[in-house]
Amino acid sequence: MITYNMNKTAERKRRDPDDLRSEYEFDHSRAKPNRFASRMTRPVVAVVLDSDVAAVFDSSAKVNAQLRAAITARKKRQLLARRARKP
């Protein structure tokens, strides 16, 4: 003789949408300071290059070298322009 269990399965409780699951809760008491923060003593700026410009440079060192050369050239031009204006 075969018997069947006709009991209904328990309905699951619906979670409150504002209630986070335990795996998503962050325990701030166990947080550690950023070990790389001391390396960032100066302000760091992230710049996004257009794809055609980025194709020319394969490292940040090359970008920095070109920008420093442009800054130096600009300062020299400004100095020469000031000297030309003086009587």
C-alpha atoms as a PDB file:
ATOM      1  CA  MET A   1       0.000   0.000   0.000  1.00  0.00           C
ATOM      2  CA  ILE A   2       1.341   3.432  -0.972  1.00  0.00           C
ATOM      3  CA  THR A   3       0.753   6.427   1.281  1.00  0.00           C
ATOM      4  CA  TYR A   4       1.269   9.974   0.243  1.00  0.00           C
ATOM      5  CA  ASN A   5       2.295  12.845   2.438  1.00  0.00           C
ATOM      6  CA  MET A   6      -0.128  15.623   1.681  1.00  0.00           C
ATOM      7  CA  ASN A   7       1.416  18.196   3.997  1.00  0.00           C
ATOM      8  CA  LYS A   8       2.020  21.560   2.403  1.00  0.00           C
ATOM      9  CA  THR A   9       5.540  22.923   2.520  1.00  0.00           C
ATOM     10  CA  ALA A  10       5.978  25.870   4.812  1.00  0.00           C
ATOM     11  CA  GLU A  11       5.753  29.173   3.080  1.00  0.00           C
ATOM     12  CA  ARG A  12       8.933  31.158   3.118  1.00  0.00           C
ATOM     13  CA  LYS A  13       8.958  34.426   4.946  1.00  0.00           C
ATOM     14  CA  ARG A  14       9.436  37.387   2.700  1.00  0.00           C
ATOM     15  CA  ARG A  15      12.385  39.537   3.634  1.00  0.00           C
ATOM     16  CA  ASP A  16      12.042  43.208   4.234  1.00  0.00           C
ATOM     17  CA  PRO A  17      13.673  44.884   1.191  1.00  0.00           C
ATOM     18  CA  ASP A  18      15.637  47.191   3.516  1.00  0.00           C
ATOM     19  CA  ASP A  19      17.008  44.267   5.530  1.00  0.00           C
ATOM     20  CA  LEU A  20      20.466  43.127   4.390  1.00  0.00           C
ATOM     21  CA  ARG A  21      21.460  39.520   4.437  1.00  0.00           C
ATOM     22  CA  SER A  22      24.155  38.605   6.916  1.00  0.00           C
ATOM     23  CA  GLU A  23      26.731  38.031   4.159  1.00  0.00           C
ATOM     24  CA  TYR A  24      26.280  41.640   3.003  1.00  0.00           C
ATOM     25  CA  GLU A  25      26.566  43.250   6.400  1.00  0.00           C
ATOM     26  CA  PHE A  26      29.949  44.901   6.993  1.00  0.00           C
ATOM     27  CA  ASP A  27      31.497  44.758  10.433  1.00  0.00           C
ATOM     28  CA  HIS A  28      33.231  48.138  10.726  1.00  0.00           C
ATOM     29  CA  SER A  29      34.919  47.121  13.964  1.00  0.00           C
ATOM     30  CA  ARG A  30      37.073  44.641  12.007  1.00  0.00           C
ATOM     31  CA  ALA A  31      38.044  47.133   9.282  1.00  0.00           C
ATOM     32  CA  LYS A  32      41.732  47.840   8.731  1.00  0.00           C
ATOM     33  CA  PRO A  33      43.288  51.125   7.584  1.00  0.00           C
ATOM     34  CA  ASN A  34      44.382  51.419   3.965  1.00  0.00           C
ATOM     35  CA  ARG A  35      48.002  50.279   3.890  1.00  0.00           C
ATOM     36  CA  PHE A  36      48.622  52.192   0.640  1.00  0.00           C
ATOM     37  CA  ALA A  37      47.330  55.545   1.921  1.00  0.00           C
ATOM     38  CA  SER A  38      50.797  56.670   3.057  1.00  0.00           C
ATOM     39  CA  ARG A  39      52.064  56.465  -0.532  1.00  0.00           C
ATOM     40  CA  MET A  40      49.565  59.079  -1.605  1.00  0.00           C
ATOM     41  CA  THR A  41      51.046  62.094   0.146  1.00  0.00           C
ATOM     42  CA  ARG A  42      50.420  64.376  -2.815  1.00  0.00           C
ATOM     43  CA  PRO A  43      47.054  64.798  -4.476  1.00  0.00           C
ATOM     44  CA  VAL A  44      46.612  62.127  -7.130  1.00  0.00           C
ATOM     45  CA  VAL A  45      44.578  62.930 -10.231  1.00  0.00           C
ATOM     46  CA  ALA A  46      43.241  60.290 -12.588  1.00  0.00           C
ATOM     47  CA  VAL A  47      42.880  61.398 -16.202  1.00  0.00           C
ATOM     48  CA  VAL A  48      41.114  59.476 -18.953  1.00  0.00           C
ATOM     49  CA  LEU A  49      42.853  59.784 -22.313  1.00  0.00           C
ATOM     50  CA  ASP A  50      41.027  59.579 -25.619  1.00  0.00           C
ATOM     51  CA  SER A  51      41.752  56.357 -27.463  1.00  0.00           C
ATOM     52  CA  ASP A  52      43.834  58.043 -30.184  1.00  0.00           C
ATOM     53  CA  VAL A  53      46.036  59.720 -27.567  1.00  0.00           C
ATOM     54  CA  ALA A  54      46.306  56.557 -25.463  1.00  0.00           C
ATOM     55  CA  ALA A  55      47.494  54.654 -28.546  1.00  0.00           C
ATOM     56  CA  VAL A  56      50.625  56.838 -28.628  1.00  0.00           C
ATOM     57  CA  PHE A  57      51.574  56.282 -24.974  1.00  0.00           C
ATOM     58  CA  ASP A  58      52.076  52.849 -23.467  1.00  0.00           C
ATOM     59  CA  SER A  59      52.953  53.996 -19.950  1.00  0.00           C
ATOM     60  CA  SER A  60      52.172  56.771 -17.510  1.00  0.00           C
ATOM     61  CA  ALA A  61      55.889  57.644 -17.397  1.00  0.00           C
ATOM     62  CA  LYS A  62      55.814  58.595 -21.096  1.00  0.00           C
ATOM     63  CA  VAL A  63      52.695  60.708 -20.616  1.00  0.00           C
ATOM     64  CA  ASN A  64      54.308  62.487 -17.658  1.00  0.00           C
ATOM     65  CA  ALA A  65      57.521  63.123 -19.636  1.00  0.00           C
ATOM     66  CA  GLN A  66      55.582  64.704 -22.508  1.00  0.00           C
ATOM     67  CA  LEU A  67      53.496  66.848 -20.162  1.00  0.00           C
ATOM     68  CA  ARG A  68      56.600  68.045 -18.315  1.00  0.00           C
ATOM     69  CA  ALA A  69      58.238  68.957 -21.643  1.00  0.00           C
ATOM     70  CA  ALA A  70      55.116  70.904 -22.632  1.00  0.00           C
ATOM     71  CA  ILE A  71      55.089  72.723 -19.272  1.00  0.00           C
ATOM     72  CA  THR A  72      58.778  73.648 -19.606  1.00  0.00           C
ATOM     73  CA  ALA A  73      58.261  74.920 -23.165  1.00  0.00           C
ATOM     74  CA  ARG A  74      55.273  76.980 -22.050  1.00  0.00           C
ATOM     75  CA  LYS A  75      57.237  78.560 -19.195  1.00  0.00           C
ATOM     76  CA  LYS A  76      60.086  79.471 -21.577  1.00  0.00           C
ATOM     77  CA  ARG A  77      57.614  81.041 -24.033  1.00  0.00           C
ATOM     78  CA  GLN A  78      56.022  83.084 -21.250  1.00  0.00           C
ATOM     79  CA  LEU A  79      59.429  84.246 -20.035  1.00  0.00           C
ATOM     80  CA  LEU A  80      60.462  85.298 -23.544  1.00  0.00           C
ATOM     81  CA  ALA A  81      57.164  87.119 -24.049  1.00  0.00           C
ATOM     82  CA  ARG A  82      57.671  89.072 -20.781  1.00  0.00           C
ATOM     83  CA  ARG A  83      61.194  90.036 -21.798  1.00  0.00           C
ATOM     84  CA  ALA A  84      59.994  91.204 -25.213  1.00  0.00           C
ATOM     85  CA  ARG A  85      57.359  93.459 -23.612  1.00  0.00           C
ATOM     86  CA  LYS A  86      59.842  95.226 -21.347  1.00  0.00           C
ATOM     87  CA  PRO A  87      61.263  98.459 -22.841  1.00  0.00           C
END
